Amino acid sequence: MNVYLQAELCPGHPGSSLAVSKSTLPDTLNIHSEKMNYARFLTAVSAARKPSPIRILTELQQRSPPSLISLAGGAPNPNTFPFLSASIQVRNGPTVTFDETSMKRALQYSASNGIPELLTWMKDLQKSLHNPPNPHTDMCVTTGSQEGLCKVFEMLVNPGDNVLLDAPTYSGTLAALQPMGCNLINVSSDEHGMDPAALRQVLSRWSPSESSRPKVLYTIPNGGNPTGASMNEQRKRDVYQLAQQYDMLIIEDDPYYFLQFEKPWAPTFLSMDVDGRVIRTDSFSKILSSGLRLGFVTGPKPLVERVVLHIQASTMHTSSFTQLMVSQLLHSWGEQGFLQHIQGVIEFYREQRDAMLGSAEKWLKDVAEWHAPKAGMFLWIKLKGITDTQQLIQEKALEKEVLLVPGGVFMIDSSEPCPYVRAAFSLSSPEKMDEAFRRLSLLIREAQS
């Protein structure tokens, strides 16, 4: 039975139709677990979210037998759609096909939490890879992990809240959080990611019982954007223990999980979450296609259900076509086929990384410094003798026909001088990366003189 709804037979017409009783639409979902009181984490907006009665009926109808006659939904008639069928060739798998019947489903509204067969496959994968110890873990599909992050922030972050995050951090996270009126507090990081000692020092400003203490910690644990840093197991355990001590939620934003170059892979925060305080976002953007806009939120069931309420009120659901296309692919591959594909992607990006590191050593060793990333797509480069790369990139780099991202955009205060640049090794050929670093070296030397 859907957690939002009890279906009742209409009085006087046994078995004839379904109705929704107002009493079965609760004012709030269950927001408690054995160890956690999630109510204290919710924003006023999120706490006020109610399940959409129309969405509930739509999802109920999709689980009903074909004999059900529904006059409830406002879905368009698929016989008016111009698309009849599709055939999509796959690089390393069988062709994905949509006949006229499956195409009608692919082009129609679907459940807000995701297509059932895709969710089932992904839940099995999460269990295989992470085996979350919290038995009340759930998952929903999002339109890319960025949407998932934004919905999580809407759910958890009030104006004036203190939010902890890596320094530097993903610019998309800053863009989402800064207009929300919260206090963003950096936690120092190094080439191994967030430093637990620095986190402990930041948290020492509050007592564990103080109401103004941070309730959310955000981190990219693997191949951090922009630094490429990855946290080892001990750091994660230390951070998790501090989250327990101060009763914080951890947002584990892990789009580069499947782009880790060295084995064994460190356990995830999700895999050590005995309390139900980790909300994890995953993405297919880096490993299947960025244009698919397909991501996932995994975490405590009460919070995932509330993320779905935010989805109901905005995008309603991720593209049904995209979900069914990927679901067909994953079911044809199986888990082993998927992991074989991942291994090929890893090998490609490892070669790209090594090519960039070789060119950096060739052209930049006297004018810059960096750490080799263990995951992801980026090299974080500190330019020697350069106070601020913003002006250098905007005014001078284009003259040399080379473009990188100035490091200031990844800082809470982007106006402060920053000597770093971010270089991506995902798209350019080794030859072009080499030439780009030759041009960058000339630019740095001119700026130093």
Protein backbone atom coordinates (compact mmCIF):
# COMPACT_ATOMS: atom_id res chain seq x y z
CA MET A 1 0.00 0.00 0.00
CA ASN A 2 1.27 3.46 -0.86
CA VAL A 3 2.54 5.21 2.27
CA TYR A 4 0.54 8.31 1.35
CA LEU A 5 -2.77 6.66 0.66
CA GLN A 6 -5.29 4.12 1.78
CA ALA A 7 -7.55 3.16 -1.12
CA GLU A 8 -11.17 2.80 -0.08
CA LEU A 9 -13.99 1.22 -2.03
CA CYS A 10 -16.77 3.70 -2.67
CA PRO A 11 -19.73 3.08 -0.34
CA GLY A 12 -22.66 1.46 -2.04
CA HIS A 13 -20.68 0.34 -5.05
CA PRO A 14 -18.58 -2.60 -3.90
CA GLY A 15 -15.58 -3.14 -6.10
CA SER A 16 -16.68 -0.59 -8.67
CA SER A 17 -14.22 2.26 -8.23
CA LEU A 18 -11.67 3.88 -5.95
CA ALA A 19 -11.92 7.04 -3.90
CA VAL A 20 -9.50 9.00 -1.76
CA SER A 21 -10.59 9.79 1.77
CA LYS A 22 -9.31 13.09 3.15
CA SER A 23 -8.52 11.31 6.37
CA THR A 24 -5.99 9.15 4.54
CA LEU A 25 -3.92 12.15 3.41
CA PRO A 26 -1.85 12.86 6.55
CA ASP A 27 -0.77 16.35 7.50
CA THR A 28 2.79 15.08 7.84
CA LEU A 29 4.61 11.96 6.87
CA ASN A 30 6.30 9.84 9.50
CA ILE A 31 9.42 11.88 10.23
CA HIS A 32 10.87 9.88 13.08
CA SER A 33 13.03 6.77 13.24
CA GLU A 34 14.41 4.77 16.14
CA LYS A 35 17.49 6.99 16.47
CA MET A 36 16.60 10.19 14.63
CA ASN A 37 14.00 12.92 14.96
CA TYR A 38 13.96 14.31 11.44
CA ALA A 39 11.35 16.94 12.27
CA ARG A 40 14.00 19.23 13.73
CA PHE A 41 15.92 19.23 10.44
CA LEU A 42 13.04 20.24 8.17
CA THR A 43 12.47 23.72 6.85
CA ALA A 44 9.10 25.34 7.39
CA VAL A 45 8.38 24.98 3.68
CA SER A 46 9.24 21.30 3.66
CA ALA A 47 7.26 20.57 6.81
CA ALA A 48 4.24 22.17 5.14
CA ARG A 49 4.50 19.99 2.02
CA LYS A 50 1.51 17.69 1.51
CA PRO A 51 1.25 14.72 -0.84
CA SER A 52 -0.44 15.65 -4.12
CA PRO A 53 -3.82 13.86 -4.32
CA ILE A 54 -3.65 13.90 -8.12
CA ARG A 55 -0.15 12.42 -8.15
CA ILE A 56 -1.27 9.75 -5.70
CA LEU A 57 -4.18 8.76 -7.93
CA THR A 58 -1.89 8.69 -10.97
CA GLU A 59 0.57 6.39 -9.25
CA LEU A 60 -2.25 4.23 -7.87
CA GLN A 61 -3.71 3.89 -11.36
CA GLN A 62 -0.35 2.79 -12.76
CA ARG A 63 -0.28 -0.08 -10.25
CA SER A 64 -3.89 -1.09 -10.91
CA PRO A 65 -5.09 -3.91 -13.20
CA PRO A 66 -6.06 -3.07 -16.81
CA SER A 67 -9.71 -3.63 -15.90
CA LEU A 68 -9.73 -0.40 -13.89
CA ILE A 69 -11.69 2.40 -15.60
CA SER A 70 -10.21 5.74 -14.57
CA LEU A 71 -11.70 9.13 -15.25
CA ALA A 72 -9.38 10.71 -12.71
CA GLY A 73 -6.20 11.62 -14.48
CA GLY A 74 -5.47 14.70 -16.53
CA ALA A 75 -2.95 12.90 -18.71
CA PRO A 76 -3.01 13.60 -22.46
CA ASN A 77 -4.15 10.83 -24.79
CA PRO A 78 -1.04 9.05 -26.13
CA ASN A 79 -2.79 8.40 -29.44
CA THR A 80 -2.23 12.09 -30.19
CA PHE A 81 1.55 11.87 -29.71
CA PRO A 82 3.56 12.09 -32.97
CA PHE A 83 6.23 9.59 -31.86
CA LEU A 84 5.47 5.94 -32.63
CA SER A 85 8.61 3.91 -31.94
CA ALA A 86 12.34 4.18 -31.37
CA SER A 87 15.45 2.07 -31.79
CA ILE A 88 18.65 3.12 -30.03
CA GLN A 89 21.95 1.43 -30.81
CA VAL A 90 24.20 0.76 -27.83
CA ARG A 91 27.99 0.72 -27.97
CA ASN A 92 28.39 -2.43 -25.88
CA GLY A 93 24.99 -4.04 -25.54
CA PRO A 94 21.77 -4.97 -27.33
CA THR A 95 19.72 -2.34 -29.12
CA VAL A 96 17.22 -0.51 -26.91
CA THR A 97 13.83 -0.57 -28.59
CA PHE A 98 10.44 1.02 -28.00
CA ASP A 99 7.47 -0.40 -29.86
CA GLU A 100 4.23 1.55 -30.10
CA THR A 101 2.93 0.31 -26.74
CA SER A 102 6.11 0.93 -24.77
CA MET A 103 6.55 4.29 -26.49
CA LYS A 104 3.15 5.41 -25.23
CA ARG A 105 4.27 4.62 -21.69
CA ALA A 106 7.64 6.31 -22.21
CA LEU A 107 5.98 9.54 -23.32
CA GLN A 108 3.39 9.63 -20.53
CA TYR A 109 3.45 10.91 -16.95
CA SER A 110 5.00 8.51 -14.43
CA ALA A 111 5.53 8.15 -10.69
CA SER A 112 7.32 11.02 -8.94
CA ASN A 113 9.77 8.73 -7.16
CA GLY A 114 10.79 6.96 -10.37
CA ILE A 115 9.95 4.15 -12.79
CA PRO A 116 9.58 0.98 -10.66
CA GLU A 117 11.86 -1.28 -12.70
CA LEU A 118 14.65 1.31 -12.72
CA LEU A 119 14.31 1.91 -8.99
CA THR A 120 14.41 -1.83 -8.28
CA TRP A 121 17.61 -2.23 -10.31
CA MET A 122 19.27 0.75 -8.65
CA LYS A 123 18.26 -0.30 -5.14
CA ASP A 124 19.85 -3.70 -5.77
CA LEU A 125 23.01 -1.97 -7.00
CA GLN A 126 23.16 0.32 -3.95
CA LYS A 127 22.79 -2.67 -1.67
CA SER A 128 25.52 -4.54 -3.54
CA LEU A 129 27.95 -1.61 -3.50
CA HIS A 130 27.17 0.03 -0.15
CA ASN A 131 24.94 -2.32 1.87
CA PRO A 132 23.46 0.50 4.00
CA PRO A 133 23.16 -0.68 7.62
CA ASN A 134 20.06 1.45 8.21
CA PRO A 135 17.10 -0.84 7.39
CA HIS A 136 14.87 2.17 6.65
CA THR A 137 16.81 3.35 3.59
CA ASP A 138 14.98 4.37 0.43
CA MET A 139 15.73 5.91 -2.97
CA CYS A 140 14.11 8.18 -5.54
CA VAL A 141 15.01 9.24 -9.08
CA THR A 142 15.87 12.89 -9.75
CA THR A 143 16.52 14.94 -12.87
CA GLY A 144 20.27 14.76 -12.45
CA SER A 145 21.93 14.83 -9.05
CA GLN A 146 21.78 18.65 -9.15
CA GLU A 147 18.00 18.53 -8.82
CA GLY A 148 18.39 16.05 -5.99
CA LEU A 149 20.76 18.40 -4.18
CA CYS A 150 18.44 21.37 -4.65
CA LYS A 151 15.47 19.43 -3.30
CA VAL A 152 17.52 18.29 -0.30
CA PHE A 153 18.61 21.87 0.38
CA GLU A 154 14.99 23.07 0.12
CA MET A 155 14.04 20.39 2.61
CA LEU A 156 16.79 21.07 5.17
CA VAL A 157 18.17 24.61 4.96
CA ASN A 158 16.39 27.56 6.57
CA PRO A 159 17.54 31.19 6.39
CA GLY A 160 20.10 31.73 9.14
CA ASP A 161 21.08 28.07 9.40
CA ASN A 162 24.77 27.22 9.68
CA VAL A 163 25.84 24.87 6.87
CA LEU A 164 29.27 23.24 6.75
CA LEU A 165 31.00 22.41 3.49
CA ASP A 166 34.39 21.70 1.91
CA ALA A 167 36.72 24.56 1.12
CA PRO A 168 36.75 24.99 -1.85
CA THR A 169 33.55 23.39 -3.10
CA TYR A 170 31.35 22.81 -6.13
CA SER A 171 30.13 26.11 -7.58
CA GLY A 172 26.67 24.63 -8.27
CA THR A 173 26.25 23.98 -4.55
CA LEU A 174 27.21 27.57 -3.75
CA ALA A 175 24.77 28.83 -6.38
CA ALA A 176 21.98 26.80 -4.79
CA LEU A 177 22.74 27.66 -1.16
CA GLN A 178 23.81 31.31 -1.20
CA PRO A 179 20.39 32.79 -2.10
CA MET A 180 18.79 30.78 0.72
CA GLY A 181 20.16 33.14 3.37
CA CYS A 182 22.08 30.50 5.29
CA ASN A 183 25.53 30.91 6.81
CA LEU A 184 28.04 28.93 4.75
CA ILE A 185 31.03 27.83 6.81
CA ASN A 186 34.10 26.34 5.16
CA VAL A 187 35.89 23.36 6.64
CA SER A 188 39.53 23.19 5.58
CA SER A 189 40.45 20.44 3.15
CA ASP A 190 43.66 19.09 1.67
CA GLU A 191 44.54 16.57 -1.04
CA HIS A 192 42.72 13.93 1.04
CA GLY A 193 39.48 15.88 1.31
CA MET A 194 37.77 17.35 4.36
CA ASP A 195 40.05 17.42 7.42
CA PRO A 196 38.31 15.94 10.50
CA ALA A 197 40.57 17.94 12.82
CA ALA A 198 39.50 21.15 11.09
CA LEU A 199 35.87 20.05 11.32
CA ARG A 200 36.26 19.39 15.04
CA GLN A 201 37.77 22.86 15.47
CA VAL A 202 34.88 24.50 13.61
CA LEU A 203 32.29 22.56 15.62
CA SER A 204 33.95 23.54 18.90
CA ARG A 205 32.26 26.95 18.52
CA TRP A 206 29.02 25.28 19.63
CA SER A 207 28.08 22.81 22.32
CA PRO A 208 26.41 19.61 21.04
CA SER A 209 23.15 20.75 22.66
CA GLU A 210 23.18 24.31 21.30
CA SER A 211 20.24 24.93 18.97
CA SER A 212 22.24 27.10 16.57
CA ARG A 213 24.81 24.38 15.91
CA PRO A 214 25.12 23.27 12.27
CA LYS A 215 22.64 20.60 11.32
CA VAL A 216 23.91 19.90 7.79
CA LEU A 217 27.37 19.02 6.46
CA TYR A 218 27.90 18.86 2.69
CA THR A 219 30.86 17.11 1.08
CA ILE A 220 32.03 15.58 -2.21
CA PRO A 221 34.03 12.61 -0.90
CA ASN A 222 35.51 11.33 -4.18
CA GLY A 223 37.20 13.37 -6.89
CA GLY A 224 36.03 16.59 -5.30
CA ASN A 225 35.05 19.39 -7.65
CA PRO A 226 37.29 21.36 -8.08
CA THR A 227 40.16 19.81 -6.12
CA GLY A 228 40.03 16.16 -7.21
CA ALA A 229 40.54 15.20 -3.55
CA SER A 230 39.22 11.91 -2.15
CA MET A 231 38.59 11.00 1.49
CA ASN A 232 39.96 7.78 2.92
CA GLU A 233 37.97 5.47 5.19
CA GLN A 234 39.37 6.77 8.47
CA ARG A 235 38.57 10.37 7.63
CA LYS A 236 35.02 9.41 6.77
CA ARG A 237 34.61 7.53 10.04
CA ASP A 238 35.99 10.49 11.99
CA VAL A 239 33.61 12.87 10.20
CA TYR A 240 30.68 10.51 10.79
CA GLN A 241 31.47 10.31 14.50
CA LEU A 242 31.44 14.11 14.72
CA ALA A 243 28.10 14.13 12.90
CA GLN A 244 26.80 11.74 15.56
CA GLN A 245 28.20 13.85 18.38
CA TYR A 246 26.61 17.06 17.06
CA ASP A 247 23.51 15.37 15.55
CA MET A 248 24.15 16.57 12.00
CA LEU A 249 23.00 15.19 8.67
CA ILE A 250 25.67 14.45 6.06
CA ILE A 251 24.91 15.21 2.41
CA GLU A 252 27.20 12.83 0.50
CA ASP A 253 27.35 14.28 -3.02
CA ASP A 254 29.19 11.56 -4.96
CA PRO A 255 28.93 12.08 -8.75
CA TYR A 256 32.50 10.82 -9.24
CA TYR A 257 32.12 7.63 -7.21
CA PHE A 258 32.41 5.54 -10.37
CA LEU A 259 35.47 7.50 -11.55
CA GLN A 260 37.89 6.34 -8.85
CA PHE A 261 41.26 5.42 -10.32
CA GLU A 262 42.75 3.42 -7.46
CA LYS A 263 41.47 0.32 -5.68
CA PRO A 264 40.27 -0.61 -3.17
CA TRP A 265 37.61 2.09 -3.06
CA ALA A 266 37.06 3.56 0.38
CA PRO A 267 33.68 2.75 1.99
CA THR A 268 31.04 5.42 1.52
CA PHE A 269 29.31 7.42 4.23
CA LEU A 270 26.13 5.55 3.25
CA SER A 271 27.82 2.23 3.99
CA MET A 272 28.63 3.30 7.58
CA ASP A 273 25.34 5.08 8.31
CA VAL A 274 24.01 3.16 11.30
CA ASP A 275 21.84 6.09 12.47
CA GLY A 276 20.11 7.20 9.28
CA ARG A 277 21.87 10.59 9.01
CA VAL A 278 23.37 10.31 5.48
CA ILE A 279 21.62 11.57 2.35
CA ARG A 280 23.51 10.42 -0.72
CA THR A 281 23.23 11.77 -4.27
CA ASP A 282 24.43 9.76 -7.27
CA SER A 283 24.55 10.63 -10.95
CA PHE A 284 24.64 8.86 -14.31
CA SER A 285 25.92 12.06 -15.95
CA LYS A 286 29.60 11.14 -15.82
CA ILE A 287 29.24 7.44 -16.69
CA LEU A 288 26.29 7.11 -19.10
CA SER A 289 25.42 10.58 -20.41
CA SER A 290 25.14 14.07 -18.98
CA GLY A 291 22.20 14.86 -21.26
CA LEU A 292 20.12 12.07 -19.75
CA ARG A 293 19.68 14.18 -16.60
CA LEU A 294 19.34 11.11 -14.42
CA GLY A 295 20.33 11.06 -10.76
CA PHE A 296 19.32 9.39 -7.51
CA VAL A 297 18.82 10.35 -3.88
CA THR A 298 19.38 7.58 -1.33
CA GLY A 299 18.85 8.03 2.39
CA PRO A 300 16.48 7.64 5.33
CA LYS A 301 13.02 6.73 4.06
CA PRO A 302 11.22 9.64 5.82
CA LEU A 303 13.54 12.16 4.17
CA VAL A 304 13.49 10.55 0.72
CA GLU A 305 9.69 10.54 0.85
CA ARG A 306 9.78 14.26 1.60
CA VAL A 307 12.18 14.90 -1.30
CA VAL A 308 9.52 13.25 -3.47
CA LEU A 309 6.97 15.79 -2.19
CA HIS A 310 9.24 18.58 -3.41
CA ILE A 311 9.52 16.84 -6.79
CA GLN A 312 5.72 16.50 -7.00
CA ALA A 313 5.40 20.26 -6.65
CA SER A 314 7.99 21.12 -9.32
CA THR A 315 9.20 18.81 -12.10
CA MET A 316 6.68 16.08 -11.08
CA HIS A 317 9.09 13.38 -12.26
CA THR A 318 12.21 12.72 -14.32
CA SER A 319 11.64 11.99 -18.02
CA SER A 320 9.81 8.68 -18.38
CA PHE A 321 11.54 8.06 -21.71
CA THR A 322 14.99 8.57 -20.21
CA GLN A 323 14.23 6.29 -17.27
CA LEU A 324 12.84 3.48 -19.42
CA MET A 325 15.70 3.73 -21.91
CA VAL A 326 18.30 3.44 -19.16
CA SER A 327 16.31 0.75 -17.39
CA GLN A 328 16.31 -1.39 -20.54
CA LEU A 329 20.06 -0.91 -20.87
CA LEU A 330 20.81 -1.79 -17.25
CA HIS A 331 18.60 -4.87 -17.25
CA SER A 332 20.25 -6.10 -20.45
CA TRP A 333 23.73 -5.51 -19.00
CA GLY A 334 23.08 -6.83 -15.52
CA GLU A 335 25.26 -5.64 -12.65
CA GLN A 336 28.41 -7.25 -14.04
CA GLY A 337 27.87 -5.71 -17.46
CA PHE A 338 27.33 -2.32 -15.86
CA LEU A 339 30.53 -2.63 -13.83
CA GLN A 340 32.43 -3.71 -16.95
CA HIS A 341 31.23 -0.54 -18.66
CA ILE A 342 32.33 1.46 -15.62
CA GLN A 343 35.79 -0.09 -15.78
CA GLY A 344 36.15 1.06 -19.37
CA VAL A 345 35.12 4.59 -18.40
CA ILE A 346 37.63 4.57 -15.54
CA GLU A 347 40.45 3.45 -17.82
CA PHE A 348 39.65 6.24 -20.28
CA TYR A 349 39.70 8.96 -17.63
CA ARG A 350 42.78 7.50 -15.95
CA GLU A 351 44.65 7.81 -19.26
CA GLN A 352 43.34 11.36 -19.66
CA ARG A 353 44.46 12.24 -16.13
CA ASP A 354 47.90 10.74 -16.68
CA ALA A 355 48.28 12.69 -19.92
CA MET A 356 47.40 15.95 -18.15
CA LEU A 357 49.78 15.18 -15.29
CA GLY A 358 52.54 14.48 -17.80
CA SER A 359 51.96 17.80 -19.54
CA ALA A 360 51.80 19.61 -16.20
CA GLU A 361 55.16 18.14 -15.23
CA LYS A 362 56.56 19.12 -18.63
CA TRP A 363 55.38 22.73 -18.72
CA LEU A 364 54.29 23.86 -15.24
CA LYS A 365 56.61 22.31 -12.66
CA ASP A 366 58.54 25.57 -12.15
CA VAL A 367 55.52 27.87 -12.12
CA ALA A 368 52.75 25.88 -10.41
CA GLU A 369 52.01 23.07 -7.97
CA TRP A 370 49.31 20.40 -7.74
CA HIS A 371 48.34 17.00 -6.35
CA ALA A 372 47.44 14.08 -8.59
CA PRO A 373 43.68 13.45 -8.32
CA LYS A 374 42.62 9.92 -7.39
CA ALA A 375 39.17 10.33 -8.93
CA GLY A 376 37.06 12.65 -11.02
CA MET A 377 37.83 14.91 -13.96
CA PHE A 378 39.82 17.82 -12.58
CA LEU A 379 43.32 19.01 -11.75
CA TRP A 380 43.48 21.81 -9.14
CA ILE A 381 46.52 23.95 -9.89
CA LYS A 382 48.09 26.63 -7.70
CA LEU A 383 49.97 29.23 -9.73
CA LYS A 384 53.16 30.42 -8.08
CA GLY A 385 53.60 34.15 -7.72
CA ILE A 386 50.01 34.84 -8.78
CA THR A 387 47.71 36.38 -6.18
CA ASP A 388 44.44 36.20 -8.08
CA THR A 389 43.68 34.11 -11.16
CA GLN A 390 40.33 35.80 -11.86
CA GLN A 391 41.89 38.78 -13.58
CA LEU A 392 44.55 36.63 -15.23
CA ILE A 393 42.01 34.29 -16.83
CA GLN A 394 39.46 36.92 -17.80
CA GLU A 395 41.87 39.46 -19.23
CA LYS A 396 44.92 37.55 -20.42
CA ALA A 397 44.15 33.86 -20.96
CA LEU A 398 41.97 34.35 -24.01
CA GLU A 399 44.79 36.29 -25.63
CA LYS A 400 46.86 33.11 -25.35
CA GLU A 401 43.86 31.08 -26.55
CA VAL A 402 43.67 28.94 -23.43
CA LEU A 403 40.80 28.78 -20.96
CA LEU A 404 40.59 27.44 -17.41
CA VAL A 405 38.25 28.16 -14.50
CA PRO A 406 39.59 30.69 -11.97
CA GLY A 407 39.53 29.20 -8.48
CA GLY A 408 37.55 32.01 -6.89
CA VAL A 409 34.25 30.70 -8.28
CA PHE A 410 34.58 27.70 -5.93
CA MET A 411 34.95 29.88 -2.83
CA ILE A 412 32.18 31.21 -0.58
CA ASP A 413 33.44 34.74 -1.20
CA SER A 414 34.38 34.72 -4.87
CA SER A 415 35.67 38.30 -4.63
CA GLU A 416 38.63 37.28 -2.48
CA PRO A 417 41.92 36.74 -4.34
CA CYS A 418 42.60 33.09 -5.22
CA PRO A 419 45.81 31.71 -6.79
CA TYR A 420 44.19 28.50 -8.12
CA VAL A 421 42.74 27.40 -11.45
CA ARG A 422 40.76 24.28 -12.33
CA ALA A 423 41.70 22.30 -15.42
CA ALA A 424 39.39 19.56 -16.77
CA PHE A 425 40.95 16.53 -18.45
CA SER A 426 37.66 14.99 -19.59
CA LEU A 427 37.19 16.41 -23.11
CA SER A 428 40.45 17.54 -24.68
CA SER A 429 42.88 15.20 -26.40
CA PRO A 430 46.32 14.65 -24.81
CA GLU A 431 47.83 16.76 -27.59
CA LYS A 432 45.49 19.67 -26.91
CA MET A 433 46.06 19.43 -23.15
CA ASP A 434 49.79 19.58 -23.76
CA GLU A 435 49.47 22.65 -25.95
CA ALA A 436 47.11 24.29 -23.44
CA PHE A 437 49.65 23.90 -20.65
CA ARG A 438 52.41 25.26 -22.88
CA ARG A 439 50.30 28.37 -23.42
CA LEU A 440 49.43 28.54 -19.71
CA SER A 441 53.10 28.40 -18.76
CA LEU A 442 53.82 31.37 -21.01
CA LEU A 443 50.91 33.25 -19.46
CA ILE A 444 52.13 32.58 -15.92
CA ARG A 445 55.70 33.61 -16.69
CA GLU A 446 54.53 36.85 -18.26
CA ALA A 447 52.36 37.60 -15.22
CA GLN A 448 55.23 36.84 -12.85
CA SER A 449 57.63 39.18 -14.63
